[in-house]
Amino acid sequence: MKMIFNGFVERGVDVRRRVARLHMEAARGRLFYACTKSYQQPPPSGFFTFRTPMEGQQEVVAAILSLQADLNQRHSENVTRHDVTDKKVEEAIRRIDDLHKAFPGGDWDGHRRYHEAVIQKIAARGRPYQDLQAELAKKGLWAFIVGLAAAVWYYTKAKVIS
């Protein structure tokens, strides 16, 4: 971020700190911003001129300083939270990329179709055995019923004859 400060182009945190300090000085009532619009030329005395503090400004300054401390604390917490979130997102992206590389040719849909075909093949292989078991159960039940009927017939025949 470039800022023009007192006629010099400066970069980075130092400029932000200097501007924040000047704002705090202005809040304390010791500075007065003389130039109201950015396109105006600064007065000969410079951008900022000193003035005397007004009554009751100490309480305002104390409130502003406490708010600044609170905001600094919240900012550091947010930065830490964002760093943790960024690391988690990067890990998730890395895992998804690794998962994508695990499929042959990166073809997720082809991999799914392959597994569906294998499942259908296994189901088709087991279907004749299931049909055979059902057929044997039916025929075995009929054989049992016929055998039971024959046993009852022979038993009844033996009792009637004797």
Protein backbone atom coordinates (compact mmCIF):
# COMPACT_ATOMS: atom_id res chain seq x y z
CA MET A 1 0.00 0.00 0.00
CA LYS A 2 1.53 3.34 -1.04
CA MET A 3 0.81 6.47 0.97
CA ILE A 4 2.11 9.98 0.48
CA PHE A 5 3.10 11.23 3.90
CA ASN A 6 4.69 14.66 4.28
CA GLY A 7 5.77 14.60 0.64
CA PHE A 8 7.52 11.20 0.83
CA VAL A 9 6.26 7.92 -0.58
CA GLU A 10 6.52 5.24 2.08
CA ARG A 11 5.36 1.63 2.29
CA GLY A 12 4.08 -0.82 4.85
CA VAL A 13 3.37 -0.85 8.53
CA ASP A 14 5.50 2.16 9.44
CA VAL A 15 3.21 4.49 7.51
CA ARG A 16 0.13 2.95 9.10
CA ARG A 17 1.65 3.37 12.54
CA ARG A 18 2.56 6.98 11.87
CA VAL A 19 -0.93 7.75 10.57
CA ALA A 20 -2.51 5.96 13.55
CA ARG A 21 -0.30 7.96 15.92
CA LEU A 22 -1.30 11.18 14.21
CA HIS A 23 -4.95 10.21 14.49
CA MET A 24 -4.49 9.55 18.20
CA GLU A 25 -2.78 12.93 18.57
CA ALA A 26 -5.73 14.50 16.78
CA ALA A 27 -8.11 12.68 19.12
CA ARG A 28 -6.19 14.02 22.11
CA GLY A 29 -6.82 17.49 20.75
CA ARG A 30 -3.26 18.51 20.11
CA LEU A 31 -3.42 18.37 16.32
CA PHE A 32 -5.80 19.92 13.86
CA TYR A 33 -6.14 18.72 10.28
CA ALA A 34 -5.85 21.89 8.25
CA CYS A 35 -6.44 20.51 4.75
CA THR A 36 -9.99 19.15 4.27
CA LYS A 37 -9.89 17.87 0.70
CA SER A 38 -7.24 15.72 -0.92
CA TYR A 39 -6.88 17.93 -3.99
CA GLN A 40 -6.24 21.12 -2.00
CA GLN A 41 -2.73 22.31 -1.45
CA PRO A 42 -1.61 22.10 2.17
CA PRO A 43 -1.34 25.37 4.01
CA PRO A 44 2.17 26.80 4.47
CA SER A 45 2.21 25.62 8.08
CA GLY A 46 1.82 21.98 6.94
CA PHE A 47 -0.97 19.43 7.12
CA PHE A 48 -1.19 19.43 10.89
CA THR A 49 -1.00 22.35 13.29
CA PHE A 50 -0.80 22.19 17.08
CA ARG A 51 -3.56 23.58 19.31
CA THR A 52 -4.37 23.49 23.01
CA PRO A 53 -6.35 20.58 24.50
CA MET A 54 -10.00 21.16 25.33
CA GLU A 55 -11.75 20.23 28.55
CA GLY A 56 -13.07 16.67 28.99
CA GLN A 57 -10.84 15.19 26.33
CA GLN A 58 -8.93 12.98 28.74
CA GLU A 59 -12.03 10.77 29.22
CA VAL A 60 -12.53 10.57 25.46
CA VAL A 61 -8.89 9.70 24.94
CA ALA A 62 -9.07 7.00 27.63
CA ALA A 63 -12.19 5.52 26.00
CA ILE A 64 -10.54 5.56 22.58
CA LEU A 65 -7.39 3.90 23.94
CA SER A 66 -9.43 1.17 25.64
CA LEU A 67 -11.35 0.60 22.40
CA GLN A 68 -8.07 0.44 20.52
CA ALA A 69 -6.71 -2.18 22.94
CA ASP A 70 -9.92 -4.20 22.60
CA LEU A 71 -9.77 -4.01 18.80
CA ASN A 72 -6.10 -5.05 18.81
CA GLN A 73 -6.98 -8.09 20.95
CA ARG A 74 -9.88 -9.04 18.68
CA HIS A 75 -7.72 -8.54 15.60
CA SER A 76 -5.01 -10.86 16.92
CA GLU A 77 -7.67 -13.48 17.77
CA ASN A 78 -9.19 -13.19 14.29
CA VAL A 79 -5.80 -13.44 12.61
CA THR A 80 -5.01 -16.58 14.61
CA ARG A 81 -8.42 -18.06 13.83
CA HIS A 82 -7.99 -17.29 10.12
CA ASP A 83 -4.52 -18.86 10.10
CA VAL A 84 -5.92 -22.07 11.61
CA THR A 85 -8.82 -22.06 9.12
CA ASP A 86 -6.45 -21.47 6.21
CA LYS A 87 -4.30 -24.43 7.29
CA LYS A 88 -7.37 -26.66 7.54
CA VAL A 89 -8.59 -25.58 4.10
CA GLU A 90 -5.16 -26.20 2.57
CA GLU A 91 -5.09 -29.67 4.17
CA ALA A 92 -8.56 -30.45 2.81
CA ILE A 93 -7.57 -29.31 -0.68
CA ARG A 94 -4.40 -31.41 -0.52
CA ARG A 95 -6.40 -34.49 0.53
CA ILE A 96 -8.93 -33.97 -2.26
CA ASP A 97 -6.10 -33.66 -4.78
CA ASP A 98 -4.54 -36.87 -3.43
CA LEU A 99 -7.91 -38.61 -3.63
CA HIS A 100 -8.36 -37.47 -7.22
CA LYS A 101 -4.92 -38.87 -8.09
CA ALA A 102 -5.90 -42.25 -6.60
CA PHE A 103 -8.34 -43.00 -9.43
CA PRO A 104 -7.00 -44.46 -12.65
CA GLY A 105 -6.65 -41.61 -15.10
CA GLY A 106 -8.45 -39.33 -12.68
CA ASP A 107 -11.75 -40.84 -13.87
CA TRP A 108 -14.10 -40.87 -10.88
CA ASP A 109 -17.17 -41.81 -12.92
CA GLY A 110 -15.37 -44.66 -14.69
CA HIS A 111 -14.21 -45.97 -11.32
CA ARG A 112 -17.81 -45.92 -10.04
CA ARG A 113 -19.09 -47.71 -13.17
CA TYR A 114 -16.39 -50.36 -12.75
CA HIS A 115 -17.49 -51.09 -9.20
CA GLU A 116 -21.15 -51.21 -10.24
CA ALA A 117 -20.25 -53.74 -12.97
CA VAL A 118 -18.32 -55.88 -10.47
CA ILE A 119 -21.26 -55.82 -8.04
CA GLN A 120 -23.69 -56.83 -10.81
CA LYS A 121 -21.33 -59.63 -11.88
CA ILE A 122 -21.15 -60.99 -8.33
CA ALA A 123 -24.94 -60.77 -8.01
CA ALA A 124 -25.38 -62.56 -11.36
CA ARG A 125 -22.95 -65.28 -10.29
CA GLY A 126 -24.95 -65.95 -7.12
CA ARG A 127 -28.39 -65.89 -8.81
CA PRO A 128 -28.23 -69.46 -10.33
CA TYR A 129 -27.28 -70.89 -6.94
CA GLN A 130 -30.22 -69.13 -5.33
CA ASP A 131 -32.55 -70.46 -8.06
CA LEU A 132 -31.12 -73.95 -7.57
CA GLN A 133 -31.66 -73.81 -3.81
CA ALA A 134 -35.26 -72.66 -4.28
CA GLU A 135 -35.94 -75.46 -6.80
CA LEU A 136 -34.38 -78.09 -4.52
CA ALA A 137 -36.41 -76.85 -1.58
CA LYS A 138 -39.66 -77.13 -3.59
CA LYS A 139 -38.86 -80.61 -4.90
CA GLY A 140 -37.64 -81.75 -1.48
CA LEU A 141 -40.88 -80.56 0.12
CA TRP A 142 -42.91 -82.45 -2.48
CA ALA A 143 -40.76 -85.58 -1.92
CA PHE A 144 -41.32 -85.30 1.83
CA ILE A 145 -45.11 -84.91 1.37
CA VAL A 146 -45.23 -87.91 -1.04
CA GLY A 147 -43.11 -89.98 1.35
CA LEU A 148 -45.31 -89.03 4.30
CA ALA A 149 -48.45 -89.88 2.31
CA ALA A 150 -46.94 -93.26 1.31
CA ALA A 151 -46.07 -94.00 4.94
CA VAL A 152 -49.61 -93.14 6.06
CA TRP A 153 -51.04 -95.30 3.24
CA TYR A 154 -48.90 -98.31 4.13
CA TYR A 155 -49.66 -97.87 7.83
CA THR A 156 -53.41 -97.66 7.16
CA LYS A 157 -53.25 -100.65 4.81
CA ALA A 158 -51.37 -102.71 7.38
CA LYS A 159 -53.94 -101.90 10.10
CA VAL A 160 -56.92 -102.68 7.87
CA ILE A 161 -55.50 -106.05 6.77
CA SER A 162 -54.55 -107.23 10.22
